Amino acid sequence: MKSFNALVLRESPTFSSSLEEITLEENPNSSEVVVRVEWSGINYKDGLAVTNSGKIIRGAFPFVPGIDLAGVVHSSENPSFKPGDRVLSTGWGLGESHWGGYAQFQQLPAQNLLHIPDHLTTRESMIIGTAGFTAMLAAMEIARGPGKKEGKFVVTGASGGVGSFSVIALAHMGLDVVAVTGKKEAESYLLGLGASEVVDRGLFSGGASAALDSARWAGCIDSVGSTTLEAVLSQTARHGTVAACGLAGGASLNTSVFPFILRGVRLVGIDSNTCPNDVRTKAWNKLGDLARKVDLNQLAHEIKLDQVPESCQRLMKGEVMGRYLVDLS
């Protein structure tokens, strides 16, 4: 382990990404647990970071991105983790403020690691990754909400990573799921995940037609934001929960108080980055149970580390359904 492969981003003389051999000593953030990384994934934040399309990286360059990782503990100074333990890490600034999962070895604080549930492999945990974890947090809010569980539950951005897992999670809760996408070719894929209906995103992209529109949805998981979220809020039925977890369509939101004070609609923000570990553990156990009922491979596009930059470009162009799974072995 004197040196190993990593995807390194550099800012000078111009922004670049390249596969390099590095050592642990080059990492400016030394920590108590060293993980031999087996798998990672590509999320929207990773796409922004690797393509230099958004201000995601808050650490100093050179920098190793990747907001997810799963693997086996190589060495540990913390009694909670011992060599050979299977672990994962998502959030807590991984791949943003400190070096992330696009390296064959990585060192992390023990509090940023979780033991992988027994019935999940390291590979399966990264097919899920931040996308599936975020979707499960949102589905847990839908389940907890006071609204009726009859009616249609809408998932926006349904063909992406978060959207795909949202469809799966809600369908396996026994809910009637309507998937929203701009990809006509995604219809059979989404129906296969459990959606009862697939509708075009154009129905939402114009925003709300009225401050309080006809109630169409019992609830929603939204990863798009902006005018799509505006339309959904105006159309959500009494006491329905809308879980907001993304901004693929923009960060702005123009709405009114009417859905909240006249229908009791709940708008709940989903923060997977700093989610407390007790909630993380509960969500990952639920994801492990879900994985026993679903063939996760139908969501996975497996790539090697040197394919990450090109794959991030495709992700940012909206050319991907499901999840990129990065093999670091």
Protein backbone atom coordinates (compact mmCIF):
# COMPACT_ATOMS: atom_id res chain seq x y z
CA MET A 1 0.00 0.00 0.00
CA LYS A 2 2.93 2.38 -0.46
CA SER A 3 1.04 3.85 -3.40
CA PHE A 4 -2.36 3.30 -4.97
CA ASN A 5 -4.62 4.69 -7.66
CA ALA A 6 -6.86 7.71 -7.17
CA LEU A 7 -8.72 10.21 -9.31
CA VAL A 8 -7.07 13.54 -8.57
CA LEU A 9 -8.50 16.97 -9.39
CA ARG A 10 -6.06 19.83 -9.91
CA GLU A 11 -6.79 23.52 -10.31
CA SER A 12 -3.51 24.79 -11.71
CA PRO A 13 -2.61 25.80 -14.36
CA THR A 14 -6.16 24.88 -15.41
CA PHE A 15 -8.75 22.56 -13.92
CA SER A 16 -8.00 18.88 -14.67
CA SER A 17 -8.88 15.37 -13.55
CA SER A 18 -6.54 12.41 -13.97
CA LEU A 19 -5.82 8.95 -12.63
CA GLU A 20 -2.65 9.14 -10.49
CA GLU A 21 -0.65 7.06 -8.06
CA ILE A 22 -0.67 8.67 -4.62
CA THR A 23 0.14 7.79 -1.00
CA LEU A 24 -1.81 8.24 2.22
CA GLU A 25 0.77 10.77 3.37
CA GLU A 26 -0.36 13.12 0.60
CA ASN A 27 -3.84 13.37 2.13
CA PRO A 28 -3.99 16.60 4.18
CA ASN A 29 -6.69 15.13 6.45
CA SER A 30 -5.15 12.25 8.38
CA SER A 31 -7.69 10.19 10.36
CA GLU A 32 -7.93 7.18 12.63
CA VAL A 33 -9.38 4.55 10.27
CA VAL A 34 -7.88 3.50 6.92
CA VAL A 35 -10.32 1.81 4.53
CA ARG A 36 -9.42 -0.30 1.50
CA VAL A 37 -12.06 1.04 -0.85
CA GLU A 38 -13.77 -1.55 -3.06
CA TRP A 39 -16.66 0.43 -4.54
CA SER A 40 -17.92 3.97 -4.98
CA GLY A 41 -20.61 5.62 -7.10
CA ILE A 42 -21.38 8.77 -9.04
CA ASN A 43 -23.90 11.23 -7.61
CA TYR A 44 -25.02 14.63 -8.86
CA LYS A 45 -22.51 16.33 -6.54
CA ASP A 46 -19.74 14.14 -7.97
CA GLY A 47 -20.76 15.16 -11.47
CA LEU A 48 -20.56 18.83 -10.49
CA ALA A 49 -17.16 18.37 -8.85
CA VAL A 50 -15.46 16.29 -11.54
CA THR A 51 -16.75 18.41 -14.43
CA ASN A 52 -16.03 21.64 -12.53
CA SER A 53 -19.66 22.65 -13.06
CA GLY A 54 -20.40 23.77 -9.51
CA LYS A 55 -18.72 24.90 -6.30
CA ILE A 56 -18.77 21.55 -4.50
CA ILE A 57 -15.16 21.19 -3.35
CA ARG A 58 -14.34 23.18 -0.24
CA GLY A 59 -10.97 21.56 0.41
CA ALA A 60 -7.62 22.61 -1.02
CA PHE A 61 -6.38 21.34 -4.38
CA PRO A 62 -5.09 18.83 -5.38
CA PHE A 63 -8.21 16.97 -4.26
CA VAL A 64 -9.68 13.45 -4.44
CA PRO A 65 -13.48 13.61 -4.99
CA GLY A 66 -16.21 11.01 -4.45
CA ILE A 67 -18.95 11.50 -1.85
CA ASP A 68 -19.51 7.74 -1.31
CA LEU A 69 -17.30 4.77 -0.52
CA ALA A 70 -17.57 1.21 0.71
CA GLY A 71 -14.87 -1.27 1.54
CA VAL A 72 -12.98 -3.09 4.27
CA VAL A 73 -11.11 -1.61 7.22
CA HIS A 74 -7.36 -1.89 6.58
CA SER A 75 -6.20 -0.45 9.91
CA SER A 76 -7.86 1.32 12.81
CA GLU A 77 -6.97 3.29 15.92
CA ASN A 78 -10.59 3.24 17.07
CA PRO A 79 -12.01 0.24 18.99
CA SER A 80 -15.37 0.51 17.18
CA PHE A 81 -13.72 -0.68 13.96
CA LYS A 82 -11.23 -3.47 13.42
CA PRO A 83 -9.35 -4.72 10.33
CA GLY A 84 -11.65 -6.71 8.09
CA ASP A 85 -14.85 -4.89 9.07
CA ARG A 86 -17.06 -4.00 6.12
CA VAL A 87 -17.87 -0.29 6.23
CA LEU A 88 -19.40 2.51 4.22
CA SER A 89 -19.28 6.28 4.35
CA THR A 90 -21.55 8.88 2.79
CA GLY A 91 -21.85 12.57 3.58
CA TRP A 92 -20.13 14.43 6.40
CA GLY A 93 -18.16 16.38 3.79
CA LEU A 94 -16.64 13.29 2.14
CA GLY A 95 -15.48 14.32 -1.34
CA GLU A 96 -16.30 17.95 -0.52
CA SER A 97 -14.24 19.25 2.40
CA HIS A 98 -12.00 16.18 2.76
CA TRP A 99 -10.72 13.57 0.33
CA GLY A 100 -13.31 11.13 -0.91
CA GLY A 101 -14.10 7.74 -2.38
CA TYR A 102 -12.30 7.84 -5.73
CA ALA A 103 -9.17 6.28 -4.24
CA GLN A 104 -8.24 2.68 -3.53
CA PHE A 105 -7.41 3.57 0.08
CA GLN A 106 -8.89 6.34 2.17
CA GLN A 107 -8.59 7.48 5.78
CA LEU A 108 -11.63 8.69 7.68
CA PRO A 109 -12.80 9.62 11.19
CA ALA A 110 -14.56 6.73 12.91
CA GLN A 111 -17.71 8.81 13.44
CA ASN A 112 -18.07 9.14 9.66
CA LEU A 113 -18.23 5.37 9.13
CA LEU A 114 -21.07 2.87 9.42
CA HIS A 115 -20.88 -0.91 9.56
CA ILE A 116 -22.58 -2.34 6.48
CA PRO A 117 -25.70 -4.38 7.37
CA ASP A 118 -25.00 -8.13 7.28
CA HIS A 119 -27.26 -8.83 4.32
CA LEU A 120 -25.71 -6.12 2.09
CA THR A 121 -22.46 -6.54 0.16
CA THR A 122 -20.05 -3.65 -0.27
CA ARG A 123 -21.03 -3.61 -3.94
CA GLU A 124 -24.76 -3.44 -3.20
CA SER A 125 -24.23 -0.67 -0.68
CA MET A 126 -22.68 1.49 -3.39
CA ILE A 127 -25.38 0.74 -5.95
CA ILE A 128 -27.53 2.33 -3.26
CA GLY A 129 -25.05 5.02 -2.16
CA THR A 130 -26.11 8.57 -1.32
CA ALA A 131 -28.88 8.37 -3.93
CA GLY A 132 -30.63 5.41 -2.35
CA PHE A 133 -29.94 6.65 1.16
CA THR A 134 -31.50 10.02 0.33
CA ALA A 135 -34.52 8.31 -1.23
CA MET A 136 -35.02 6.15 1.85
CA LEU A 137 -34.86 9.18 4.16
CA ALA A 138 -37.54 10.79 2.00
CA ALA A 139 -39.68 7.62 1.97
CA MET A 140 -39.44 7.46 5.78
CA GLU A 141 -40.87 10.99 5.92
CA ILE A 142 -43.71 9.97 3.59
CA ALA A 143 -44.45 7.01 5.88
CA ARG A 144 -44.34 9.23 8.98
CA GLY A 145 -46.54 11.95 7.53
CA PRO A 146 -50.12 12.44 8.68
CA GLY A 147 -51.62 12.27 5.19
CA LYS A 148 -53.65 9.37 3.81
CA LYS A 149 -51.73 6.58 2.13
CA GLU A 150 -54.39 6.16 -0.52
CA GLY A 151 -54.04 8.13 -3.72
CA LYS A 152 -51.12 8.75 -6.02
CA PHE A 153 -47.61 9.59 -4.83
CA VAL A 154 -45.50 11.41 -7.38
CA VAL A 155 -41.73 11.06 -7.84
CA THR A 156 -40.01 13.75 -9.92
CA GLY A 157 -36.68 13.20 -11.67
CA ALA A 158 -37.65 9.56 -11.54
CA SER A 159 -35.06 8.10 -13.93
CA GLY A 160 -32.09 9.43 -11.93
CA GLY A 161 -30.45 7.74 -8.97
CA VAL A 162 -32.55 9.33 -6.21
CA GLY A 163 -35.70 9.08 -8.31
CA SER A 164 -35.18 5.41 -9.18
CA PHE A 165 -34.77 4.45 -5.53
CA SER A 166 -37.72 6.65 -4.55
CA VAL A 167 -39.96 4.74 -6.96
CA ILE A 168 -38.72 1.43 -5.55
CA ALA A 169 -39.05 2.47 -1.91
CA LEU A 170 -42.57 3.91 -2.23
CA ALA A 171 -43.80 1.00 -4.36
CA HIS A 172 -42.56 -1.49 -1.76
CA MET A 173 -44.47 0.48 0.88
CA GLY A 174 -47.58 -0.48 -1.09
CA LEU A 175 -48.16 3.04 -2.45
CA ASP A 176 -49.39 4.00 -5.91
CA VAL A 177 -46.40 5.70 -7.56
CA VAL A 178 -46.48 8.09 -10.51
CA ALA A 179 -43.02 8.59 -12.02
CA VAL A 180 -42.15 11.91 -13.70
CA THR A 181 -39.41 12.01 -16.33
CA GLY A 182 -38.35 13.80 -19.48
CA LYS A 183 -37.04 10.57 -21.01
CA LYS A 184 -39.62 8.72 -23.11
CA GLU A 185 -37.26 5.76 -23.30
CA ALA A 186 -37.39 5.42 -19.49
CA GLU A 187 -41.04 4.34 -19.32
CA SER A 188 -40.49 0.57 -19.30
CA TYR A 189 -37.56 0.98 -16.87
CA LEU A 190 -39.71 2.96 -14.39
CA LEU A 191 -42.69 0.65 -14.69
CA GLY A 192 -40.29 -2.20 -13.98
CA LEU A 193 -39.18 -0.46 -10.77
CA GLY A 194 -42.75 -0.34 -9.52
CA ALA A 195 -44.37 2.81 -10.92
CA SER A 196 -48.01 2.41 -11.93
CA GLU A 197 -47.84 5.34 -14.34
CA VAL A 198 -45.19 7.45 -16.08
CA VAL A 199 -45.90 11.09 -17.00
CA ASP A 200 -43.90 13.75 -18.81
CA ARG A 201 -42.06 16.37 -16.76
CA GLY A 202 -43.55 19.07 -18.97
CA LEU A 203 -46.73 18.81 -16.90
CA PHE A 204 -44.81 20.37 -14.00
CA SER A 205 -42.04 22.47 -15.54
CA GLY A 206 -44.27 25.52 -16.03
CA GLY A 207 -44.86 25.89 -12.31
CA ALA A 208 -48.17 26.24 -10.49
CA SER A 209 -51.15 27.38 -12.56
CA ALA A 210 -52.74 28.72 -9.37
CA ALA A 211 -51.62 29.34 -5.80
CA LEU A 212 -53.78 26.37 -4.82
CA ASP A 213 -54.43 23.98 -7.69
CA SER A 214 -56.63 20.87 -7.79
CA ALA A 215 -55.38 18.28 -5.31
CA ARG A 216 -53.84 15.47 -7.37
CA TRP A 217 -51.09 13.98 -5.23
CA ALA A 218 -51.14 12.30 -1.82
CA GLY A 219 -47.43 13.10 -1.47
CA CYS A 220 -44.19 13.55 -3.38
CA ILE A 221 -40.46 12.94 -3.40
CA ASP A 222 -38.92 15.76 -5.42
CA SER A 223 -35.32 15.89 -6.61
CA VAL A 224 -35.87 18.65 -9.19
CA GLY A 225 -36.87 21.78 -7.25
CA SER A 226 -37.75 25.14 -8.81
CA THR A 227 -40.96 25.30 -10.88
CA THR A 228 -41.51 21.54 -10.60
CA LEU A 229 -41.62 21.73 -6.81
CA GLU A 230 -43.81 24.83 -7.06
CA ALA A 231 -46.35 22.90 -9.17
CA VAL A 232 -46.27 19.85 -6.89
CA LEU A 233 -46.91 21.91 -3.74
CA SER A 234 -49.98 23.55 -5.28
CA GLN A 235 -51.36 20.13 -6.28
CA THR A 236 -50.70 18.17 -3.07
CA ALA A 237 -53.74 16.92 -1.16
CA ARG A 238 -54.64 17.69 2.44
CA HIS A 239 -51.93 16.78 4.97
CA GLY A 240 -49.71 15.34 2.25
CA THR A 241 -45.91 15.27 2.68
CA VAL A 242 -43.57 16.65 0.04
CA ALA A 243 -39.95 15.62 0.61
CA ALA A 244 -37.51 17.95 -1.16
CA CYS A 245 -34.07 16.47 -1.78
CA GLY A 246 -32.60 17.99 -4.94
CA LEU A 247 -32.24 20.91 -7.30
CA ALA A 248 -31.63 19.40 -10.72
CA GLY A 249 -34.07 21.94 -12.15
CA GLY A 250 -32.85 24.92 -10.14
CA ALA A 251 -32.53 26.23 -6.59
CA SER A 252 -35.22 28.92 -6.64
CA LEU A 253 -38.73 28.33 -5.30
CA ASN A 254 -41.67 30.69 -5.79
CA THR A 255 -44.74 29.51 -3.92
CA SER A 256 -47.43 30.74 -1.53
CA VAL A 257 -48.48 29.87 2.01
CA PHE A 258 -51.82 28.46 0.84
CA PRO A 259 -50.80 24.77 0.52
CA PHE A 260 -49.43 24.93 4.07
CA ILE A 261 -52.19 26.81 5.88
CA LEU A 262 -55.24 25.64 3.93
CA ARG A 263 -54.30 21.99 3.30
CA GLY A 264 -51.70 21.36 5.99
CA VAL A 265 -49.14 20.24 3.41
CA ARG A 266 -45.73 19.38 4.90
CA LEU A 267 -42.64 20.46 2.98
CA VAL A 268 -39.76 18.47 4.47
CA GLY A 269 -36.12 19.02 3.57
CA ILE A 270 -33.94 15.92 3.24
CA ASP A 271 -30.30 16.44 4.26
CA SER A 272 -28.36 13.24 3.69
CA ASN A 273 -25.00 14.94 4.28
CA THR A 274 -25.25 15.62 8.03
CA CYS A 275 -28.04 13.19 8.91
CA PRO A 276 -27.47 11.87 12.49
CA ASN A 277 -25.95 8.41 12.72
CA ASP A 278 -28.92 6.85 14.55
CA VAL A 279 -31.20 7.86 11.67
CA ARG A 280 -28.55 6.71 9.15
CA THR A 281 -28.41 3.28 10.74
CA LYS A 282 -32.21 2.95 10.66
CA ALA A 283 -32.32 3.99 6.99
CA TRP A 284 -29.50 1.63 5.96
CA ASN A 285 -31.18 -1.29 7.74
CA LYS A 286 -34.34 -0.54 5.77
CA LEU A 287 -32.27 -0.39 2.57
CA GLY A 288 -30.77 -3.76 3.43
CA ASP A 289 -34.27 -5.21 3.79
CA LEU A 290 -35.28 -3.61 0.49
CA ALA A 291 -32.25 -5.10 -1.27
CA ARG A 292 -33.50 -8.59 -0.43
CA LYS A 293 -36.69 -7.89 -2.42
CA VAL A 294 -35.21 -6.02 -5.39
CA ASP A 295 -32.60 -6.87 -8.00
CA LEU A 296 -30.30 -3.86 -7.53
CA ASN A 297 -28.29 -4.82 -10.61
CA GLN A 298 -31.04 -3.40 -12.82
CA LEU A 299 -29.99 0.06 -11.62
CA ALA A 300 -26.22 -0.37 -11.91
CA HIS A 301 -23.87 0.68 -14.72
CA GLU A 302 -20.47 -0.64 -13.61
CA ILE A 303 -17.37 1.35 -14.57
CA LYS A 304 -13.69 1.59 -13.64
CA LEU A 305 -12.04 4.52 -11.89
CA ASP A 306 -10.51 5.91 -15.10
CA GLN A 307 -14.01 6.09 -16.63
CA VAL A 308 -15.35 8.44 -13.95
CA PRO A 309 -14.66 11.76 -15.77
CA GLU A 310 -16.42 10.68 -18.96
CA SER A 311 -19.30 9.17 -16.97
CA CYS A 312 -19.70 12.39 -14.99
CA GLN A 313 -20.02 14.28 -18.27
CA ARG A 314 -22.81 11.92 -19.35
CA LEU A 315 -24.54 12.26 -15.99
CA MET A 316 -24.54 16.05 -16.21
CA LYS A 317 -26.05 15.85 -19.70
CA GLY A 318 -28.92 13.75 -18.34
CA GLU A 319 -27.98 10.71 -20.40
CA VAL A 320 -28.08 8.17 -17.56
CA MET A 321 -30.84 6.08 -16.01
CA GLY A 322 -30.09 4.49 -12.66
CA ARG A 323 -26.67 4.53 -10.98
CA TYR A 324 -23.01 4.51 -11.99
CA LEU A 325 -21.13 1.98 -9.83
CA VAL A 326 -17.36 2.55 -9.63
CA ASP A 327 -15.14 -0.55 -9.21
CA LEU A 328 -11.91 0.35 -7.39
CA SER A 329 -10.61 -3.21 -7.03
